[in-house]
C-alpha atoms as a PDB file:
ATOM      1  CA  MET A   1     111.324 108.972 106.105  1.00  0.00           C
ATOM      2  CA  VAL A   2     114.385 110.856 105.897  1.00  0.00           C
ATOM      3  CA  ASN A   3     115.792 112.608 109.224  1.00  0.00           C
ATOM      4  CA  ARG A   4     117.278 116.138 108.515  1.00  0.00           C
ATOM      5  CA  SER A   5     119.138 115.950 112.096  1.00  0.00           C
ATOM      6  CA  VAL A   6     120.972 112.688 110.717  1.00  0.00           C
ATOM      7  CA  LEU A   7     122.089 114.525 107.773  1.00  0.00           C
ATOM      8  CA  ARG A   8     123.436 117.305 109.188  1.00  0.00           C
ATOM      9  CA  LYS A   9     125.762 115.497 111.299  1.00  0.00           C
ATOM     10  CA  LEU A  10     127.389 114.382 107.752  1.00  0.00           C
ATOM     11  CA  SER A  11     130.570 116.122 106.140  1.00  0.00           C
ATOM     12  CA  ASP A  12     130.322 118.123 103.305  1.00  0.00           C
ATOM     13  CA  SER A  13     132.184 115.651 101.389  1.00  0.00           C
ATOM     14  CA  GLU A  14     129.373 112.838 102.676  1.00  0.00           C
ATOM     15  CA  LEU A  15     126.594 115.342 101.611  1.00  0.00           C
ATOM     16  CA  GLU A  16     128.192 115.959  98.167  1.00  0.00           C
ATOM     17  CA  LYS A  17     127.249 112.312  97.402  1.00  0.00           C
ATOM     18  CA  TYR A  18     123.673 113.043  97.652  1.00  0.00           C
ATOM     19  CA  VAL A  19     123.490 115.414  94.904  1.00  0.00           C
ATOM     20  CA  GLN A  20     125.705 113.450  92.509  1.00  0.00           C
ATOM     21  CA  GLU A  21     124.248 112.193  89.638  1.00  0.00           C
ATOM     22  CA  GLY A  22     123.640 108.725  89.546  1.00  0.00           C
ATOM     23  CA  ASN A  23     123.134 108.430  93.461  1.00  0.00           C
ATOM     24  CA  ARG A  24     120.548 106.012  94.961  1.00  0.00           C
ATOM     25  CA  PHE A  25     119.117 108.243  97.558  1.00  0.00           C
ATOM     26  CA  VAL A  26     115.721 109.075  97.991  1.00  0.00           C
ATOM     27  CA  PRO A  27     114.731 112.623  96.455  1.00  0.00           C
ATOM     28  CA  GLU A  28     113.630 114.198 100.037  1.00  0.00           C
ATOM     29  CA  ALA A  29     117.273 113.041 100.975  1.00  0.00           C
ATOM     30  CA  VAL A  30     118.734 115.014  98.074  1.00  0.00           C
ATOM     31  CA  GLN A  31     116.471 118.058  98.658  1.00  0.00           C
ATOM     32  CA  MET A  32     117.906 118.414 102.444  1.00  0.00           C
ATOM     33  CA  ALA A  33     121.756 117.398 101.644  1.00  0.00           C
ATOM     34  CA  PHE A  34     121.155 120.307  99.081  1.00  0.00           C
ATOM     35  CA  GLU A  35     119.866 122.908 101.623  1.00  0.00           C
ATOM     36  CA  ILE A  36     122.084 121.762 104.290  1.00  0.00           C
ATOM     37  CA  LEU A  37     125.236 122.527 102.022  1.00  0.00           C
ATOM     38  CA  GLU A  38     123.709 125.504 101.470  1.00  0.00           C
ATOM     39  CA  GLU A  39     123.149 126.679 104.944  1.00  0.00           C
ATOM     40  CA  ARG A  40     126.773 125.722 105.189  1.00  0.00           C
ATOM     41  CA  GLY A  41     127.768 128.612 102.778  1.00  0.00           C
ATOM     42  CA  ARG A  42     128.243 126.287  99.959  1.00  0.00           C
ATOM     43  CA  VAL A  43     127.789 128.407  96.448  1.00  0.00           C
ATOM     44  CA  PHE A  44     126.417 126.577  93.627  1.00  0.00           C
ATOM     45  CA  SER A  45     126.427 127.933  90.221  1.00  0.00           C
ATOM     46  CA  GLU A  46     123.017 128.519  88.702  1.00  0.00           C
ATOM     47  CA  GLN A  47     124.002 125.772  86.313  1.00  0.00           C
ATOM     48  CA  LYS A  48     124.583 123.352  89.206  1.00  0.00           C
ATOM     49  CA  LYS A  49     121.491 124.277  91.282  1.00  0.00           C
ATOM     50  CA  ALA A  50     119.363 123.465  87.925  1.00  0.00           C
ATOM     51  CA  ALA A  51     120.750 120.050  87.528  1.00  0.00           C
ATOM     52  CA  VAL A  52     120.197 118.967  91.189  1.00  0.00           C
ATOM     53  CA  LEU A  53     116.676 120.324  91.165  1.00  0.00           C
ATOM     54  CA  GLN A  54     116.400 118.263  87.719  1.00  0.00           C
ATOM     55  CA  LEU A  55     117.844 115.188  89.721  1.00  0.00           C
ATOM     56  CA  ILE A  56     115.108 115.764  92.533  1.00  0.00           C
ATOM     57  CA  GLN A  57     112.293 115.710  89.830  1.00  0.00           C
ATOM     58  CA  ARG A  58     113.558 112.856  87.779  1.00  0.00           C
ATOM     59  CA  LYS A  59     113.672 110.868  90.995  1.00  0.00           C
ATOM     60  CA  LYS A  60     110.386 111.815  92.145  1.00  0.00           C
ATOM     61  CA  ASP A  61     108.857 111.168  88.512  1.00  0.00           C
ATOM     62  CA  ALA A  62     110.585 107.517  89.013  1.00  0.00           C
ATOM     63  CA  GLU A  63     109.086 107.108  92.412  1.00  0.00           C
ATOM     64  CA  GLU A  64     105.791 108.061  91.162  1.00  0.00           C
ATOM     65  CA  ALA A  65     106.200 106.023  88.452  1.00  0.00           C
ATOM     66  CA  LYS A  66     107.092 102.965  90.571  1.00  0.00           C
ATOM     67  CA  ARG A  67     103.680 103.510  92.569  1.00  0.00           C
ATOM     68  CA  THR A  68     101.670 103.604  89.762  1.00  0.00           C
ATOM     69  CA  GLU A  69     103.134 100.483  88.511  1.00  0.00           C
ATOM     70  CA  GLU A  70     102.809  98.756  91.440  1.00  0.00           C
ATOM     71  CA  ALA A  71      99.208  99.889  91.965  1.00  0.00           C
ATOM     72  CA  GLU A  72      98.357  98.474  88.226  1.00  0.00           C
ATOM     73  CA  VAL A  73      99.653  94.814  89.215  1.00  0.00           C
ATOM     74  CA  TRP A  74      97.358  94.933  92.212  1.00  0.00           C
ATOM     75  CA  ARG A  75      93.960  96.276  90.109  1.00  0.00           C
ATOM     76  CA  ASP A  76      92.025  94.097  88.057  1.00  0.00           C
ATOM     77  CA  HIS A  77      92.276  94.563  84.329  1.00  0.00           C
ATOM     78  CA  ILE A  78      88.696  93.703  83.012  1.00  0.00           C
ATOM     79  CA  THR A  79      87.972  94.469  79.795  1.00  0.00           C
ATOM     80  CA  GLU A  80      84.865  94.342  76.988  1.00  0.00           C
ATOM     81  CA  ASP A  81      87.580  92.722  74.397  1.00  0.00           C
ATOM     82  CA  PRO A  82      85.182  89.606  73.382  1.00  0.00           C
ATOM     83  CA  ASP A  83      88.453  87.770  72.808  1.00  0.00           C
ATOM     84  CA  ALA A  84      89.707  88.291  76.463  1.00  0.00           C
ATOM     85  CA  ILE A  85      89.395  85.299  78.659  1.00  0.00           C
ATOM     86  CA  LYS A  86      87.032  85.161  81.341  1.00  0.00           C
ATOM     87  CA  LEU A  87      87.869  85.161  84.812  1.00  0.00           C
ATOM     88  CA  TYR A  88      86.335  85.655  88.558  1.00  0.00           C
ATOM     89  CA  SER A  89      87.453  89.296  89.374  1.00  0.00           C
ATOM     90  CA  ARG A  90      89.739  89.711  92.312  1.00  0.00           C
ATOM     91  CA  SER A  91      86.992  91.496  93.811  1.00  0.00           C
ATOM     92  CA  THR A  92      84.739  89.040  93.869  1.00  0.00           C
ATOM     93  CA  ILE A  93      87.213  86.635  95.092  1.00  0.00           C
ATOM     94  CA  PHE A  94      88.370  88.580  98.185  1.00  0.00           C
ATOM     95  CA  VAL A  95      84.595  89.769  99.396  1.00  0.00           C
ATOM     96  CA  SER A  96      83.285  85.539  99.140  1.00  0.00           C
ATOM     97  CA  SER A  97      86.661  84.965 101.522  1.00  0.00           C
ATOM     98  CA  ILE A  98      85.759  87.700 103.955  1.00  0.00           C
ATOM     99  CA  LEU A  99      82.169  86.855 104.112  1.00  0.00           C
ATOM    100  CA  PHE A 100      81.905  83.190 103.626  1.00  0.00           C
ATOM    101  CA  SER A 101      85.602  81.932 104.714  1.00  0.00           C
ATOM    102  CA  PRO A 102      88.464  81.301 102.274  1.00  0.00           C
ATOM    103  CA  ILE A 103      87.167  78.328 100.741  1.00  0.00           C
ATOM    104  CA  PRO A 104      84.584  79.496  98.363  1.00  0.00           C
ATOM    105  CA  GLY A 105      87.662  82.064  97.393  1.00  0.00           C
ATOM    106  CA  ALA A 106      90.019  79.167  96.712  1.00  0.00           C
ATOM    107  CA  ILE A 107      87.573  77.360  94.880  1.00  0.00           C
ATOM    108  CA  LEU A 108      87.344  80.237  92.427  1.00  0.00           C
ATOM    109  CA  LEU A 109      90.705  81.325  92.203  1.00  0.00           C
ATOM    110  CA  PHE A 110      91.259  77.862  91.424  1.00  0.00           C
ATOM    111  CA  LEU A 111      89.430  77.761  88.783  1.00  0.00           C
ATOM    112  CA  ASN A 112      90.945  81.075  87.432  1.00  0.00           C
ATOM    113  CA  LEU A 113      94.253  79.374  87.499  1.00  0.00           C
ATOM    114  CA  ILE A 114      93.360  76.259  85.876  1.00  0.00           C
ATOM    115  CA  LYS A 115      92.045  78.159  83.211  1.00  0.00           C
ATOM    116  CA  LEU A 116      95.681  80.164  82.885  1.00  0.00           C
ATOM    117  CA  LYS A 117      97.279  76.607  83.095  1.00  0.00           C
ATOM    118  CA  LYS A 118      98.765  77.433  86.135  1.00  0.00           C
ATOM    119  CA  TYR A 119      98.192  73.924  87.589  1.00  0.00           C
ATOM    120  CA  LEU A 120     101.097  74.088  90.515  1.00  0.00           C
ATOM    121  CA  ALA A 121      99.261  77.361  91.677  1.00  0.00           C
ATOM    122  CA  ALA A 122      95.724  76.156  91.535  1.00  0.00           C
ATOM    123  CA  PHE A 123      96.763  72.998  93.391  1.00  0.00           C
ATOM    124  CA  PHE A 124      98.575  75.410  96.092  1.00  0.00           C
ATOM    125  CA  THR A 125      95.601  77.835  96.173  1.00  0.00           C
ATOM    126  CA  LEU A 126      93.029  74.931  96.907  1.00  0.00           C
ATOM    127  CA  VAL A 127      95.473  73.624  99.547  1.00  0.00           C
ATOM    128  CA  PHE A 128      95.801  76.954 100.992  1.00  0.00           C
ATOM    129  CA  GLY A 129      91.984  77.666 101.302  1.00  0.00           C
ATOM    130  CA  PHE A 130      91.001  74.349 103.159  1.00  0.00           C
ATOM    131  CA  LEU A 131      94.279  74.561 105.393  1.00  0.00           C
ATOM    132  CA  PHE A 132      93.988  78.089 106.301  1.00  0.00           C
ATOM    133  CA  PHE A 133      90.051  77.378 107.207  1.00  0.00           C
ATOM    134  CA  VAL A 134      91.166  74.836 109.445  1.00  0.00           C
ATOM    135  CA  PHE A 135      94.248  76.891 110.825  1.00  0.00           C
ATOM    136  CA  GLN A 136      91.998  79.847 111.441  1.00  0.00           C
ATOM    137  CA  LYS A 137      89.794  78.394 113.486  1.00  0.00           C
ATOM    138  CA  TYR A 138      92.524  76.898 115.975  1.00  0.00           C
ATOM    139  CA  VAL A 139      93.852  80.285 116.084  1.00  0.00           C
ATOM    140  CA  LEU A 140      90.617  82.206 117.166  1.00  0.00           C
ATOM    141  CA  ILE A 141      89.940  79.271 119.664  1.00  0.00           C
ATOM    142  CA  SER A 142      93.235  79.079 121.174  1.00  0.00           C
ATOM    143  CA  HIS A 143      94.259  82.635 121.083  1.00  0.00           C
ATOM    144  CA  PHE A 144      91.447  84.842 121.386  1.00  0.00           C
ATOM    145  CA  ASP A 145      89.058  85.510 124.472  1.00  0.00           C
ATOM    146  CA  PHE A 146      85.896  86.554 122.899  1.00  0.00           C
ATOM    147  CA  GLY A 147      83.981  86.807 126.236  1.00  0.00           C
ATOM    148  CA  THR A 148      85.863  90.149 126.789  1.00  0.00           C
ATOM    149  CA  THR A 149      84.524  93.344 125.401  1.00  0.00           C
ATOM    150  CA  SER A 150      86.627  95.405 122.864  1.00  0.00           C
ATOM    151  CA  ARG A 151      86.359  98.123 120.505  1.00  0.00           C
ATOM    152  CA  TYR A 152      88.713  96.041 118.414  1.00  0.00           C
ATOM    153  CA  SER A 153      87.241  93.009 116.310  1.00  0.00           C
ATOM    154  CA  PRO A 154      90.385  90.300 116.479  1.00  0.00           C
ATOM    155  CA  GLU A 155      88.189  87.917 114.600  1.00  0.00           C
ATOM    156  CA  ILE A 156      87.960  89.805 111.913  1.00  0.00           C
ATOM    157  CA  GLY A 157      91.528  90.438 111.332  1.00  0.00           C
ATOM    158  CA  VAL A 158      92.265  86.771 111.537  1.00  0.00           C
ATOM    159  CA  LEU A 159      89.583  85.893 108.921  1.00  0.00           C
ATOM    160  CA  SER A 160      90.982  89.025 106.677  1.00  0.00           C
ATOM    161  CA  VAL A 161      94.441  87.224 106.522  1.00  0.00           C
ATOM    162  CA  GLY A 162      93.046  84.297 104.459  1.00  0.00           C
ATOM    163  CA  ALA A 163      91.298  86.776 102.147  1.00  0.00           C
ATOM    164  CA  LEU A 164      94.452  88.800 101.772  1.00  0.00           C
ATOM    165  CA  GLY A 165      96.576  85.537 101.016  1.00  0.00           C
ATOM    166  CA  LEU A 166      94.292  84.508  98.099  1.00  0.00           C
ATOM    167  CA  LEU A 167      94.622  88.056  96.913  1.00  0.00           C
ATOM    168  CA  VAL A 168      98.315  87.741  97.182  1.00  0.00           C
ATOM    169  CA  ILE A 169      98.632  84.194  95.127  1.00  0.00           C
ATOM    170  CA  SER A 170      96.266  85.667  92.611  1.00  0.00           C
ATOM    171  CA  VAL A 171      98.448  88.667  91.921  1.00  0.00           C
ATOM    172  CA  LEU A 172     101.900  86.658  92.262  1.00  0.00           C
ATOM    173  CA  ALA A 173      99.988  83.726  89.951  1.00  0.00           C
ATOM    174  CA  THR A 174      98.313  85.561  87.070  1.00  0.00           C
ATOM    175  CA  PRO A 175     100.546  87.337  84.452  1.00  0.00           C
ATOM    176  CA  LYS A 176     100.676  90.801  85.301  1.00  0.00           C
ATOM    177  CA  LYS A 177      98.248  93.312  83.800  1.00  0.00           C
ATOM    178  CA  LEU A 178      96.421  90.384  82.096  1.00  0.00           C
ATOM    179  CA  PRO A 179      93.052  92.069  80.443  1.00  0.00           C
ATOM    180  CA  TYR A 180      90.208  89.742  81.449  1.00  0.00           C
ATOM    181  CA  ARG A 181      86.626  89.663  81.336  1.00  0.00           C
ATOM    182  CA  ALA A 182      84.446  89.215  84.310  1.00  0.00           C
ATOM    183  CA  GLU A 183      83.130  85.381  84.529  1.00  0.00           C
ATOM    184  CA  SER A 184      79.321  85.529  85.459  1.00  0.00           C
ATOM    185  CA  TYR A 185      78.032  85.781  89.185  1.00  0.00           C
ATOM    186  CA  VAL A 186      76.146  82.722  88.999  1.00  0.00           C
ATOM    187  CA  PHE A 187      78.704  80.029  90.291  1.00  0.00           C
ATOM    188  CA  PRO A 188      80.116  82.644  92.887  1.00  0.00           C
ATOM    189  CA  VAL A 189      76.576  83.096  94.251  1.00  0.00           C
ATOM    190  CA  ILE A 190      75.866  79.305  94.196  1.00  0.00           C
ATOM    191  CA  LEU A 191      78.908  78.401  95.958  1.00  0.00           C
ATOM    192  CA  CYS A 192      78.314  81.161  98.681  1.00  0.00           C
ATOM    193  CA  ALA A 193      74.832  80.322  99.047  1.00  0.00           C
ATOM    194  CA  ALA A 194      75.617  76.465  99.659  1.00  0.00           C
ATOM    195  CA  THR A 195      78.301  77.903 102.486  1.00  0.00           C
ATOM    196  CA  ALA A 196      75.530  80.401 103.824  1.00  0.00           C
ATOM    197  CA  VAL A 197      73.561  77.256 104.574  1.00  0.00           C
ATOM    198  CA  LEU A 198      76.332  75.234 106.407  1.00  0.00           C
ATOM    199  CA  MET A 199      76.683  78.388 108.404  1.00  0.00           C
ATOM    200  CA  TYR A 200      72.828  78.564 109.100  1.00  0.00           C
ATOM    201  CA  PHE A 201      73.288  74.850 110.398  1.00  0.00           C
ATOM    202  CA  ASN A 202      76.364  76.004 112.076  1.00  0.00           C
ATOM    203  CA  PHE A 203      78.232  72.928 110.659  1.00  0.00           C
ATOM    204  CA  GLN A 204      80.559  71.630 113.710  1.00  0.00           C
ATOM    205  CA  GLU A 205      80.854  75.288 114.760  1.00  0.00           C
ATOM    206  CA  TRP A 206      83.303  75.890 112.021  1.00  0.00           C
ATOM    207  CA  PHE A 207      81.920  79.246 110.856  1.00  0.00           C
ATOM    208  CA  SER A 208      81.089  80.660 114.498  1.00  0.00           C
ATOM    209  CA  TYR A 209      83.263  83.840 114.135  1.00  0.00           C
ATOM    210  CA  TYR A 210      82.049  84.929 110.716  1.00  0.00           C
ATOM    211  CA  PRO A 211      80.020  88.150 110.603  1.00  0.00           C
ATOM    212  CA  LEU A 212      77.407  86.460 108.391  1.00  0.00           C
ATOM    213  CA  SER A 213      77.075  83.622 111.255  1.00  0.00           C
ATOM    214  CA  THR A 214      76.406  86.260 113.712  1.00  0.00           C
ATOM    215  CA  VAL A 215      73.533  87.865 111.496  1.00  0.00           C
ATOM    216  CA  ILE A 216      72.166  84.305 110.962  1.00  0.00           C
ATOM    217  CA  ARG A 217      72.182  83.705 114.647  1.00  0.00           C
ATOM    218  CA  LEU A 218      70.468  86.953 114.974  1.00  0.00           C
ATOM    219  CA  PHE A 219      67.703  85.902 112.747  1.00  0.00           C
ATOM    220  CA  ARG A 220      67.255  82.556 114.121  1.00  0.00           C
ATOM    221  CA  SER A 221      66.762  83.776 118.274  1.00  0.00           C
END
């Protein structure tokens, strides 16, 4: 966030650097520096004004292009091309991790990375999924008092970290903008169903804090 009051403290020569070609300042800072110089009585020729406005616009266009590029990196590039590789989508991995623990999500991402021959990343993903599953139970039991009432749900925040971690691994380990066909939902459904069975029997209370476990307990009571 650009602070106009901070720029006002700069000298004219320092502000001049903001309106020169090749500077690394954000477009908002260039705009403010230009306006402050005009307020101080600096007279710009029409040619210079046009050049500064073009500079600001180019910087805005570059920022927009960068945001678009970053969004593209995080987006699933699902295609209907029959020759494209088949992978489990990031949304499938994320949802299964949120609802059924990071283990199903880690297994799905592991299979994706094996297909892409990213063996080290695949191994790391599997280790991350199982270790985080154990880690989150320790954190939830040791650092949160669930006997108190609050409009916040700290367990959901902790559980989300695992899903977000898998999403980050997917983005970093998968080739950027890789077009792929969505793999069948059959295996993810089987995997999540098996996890739901463990939740139903509350296996060693490992799944106690998951939303689905709460729903299951309501039906059992």
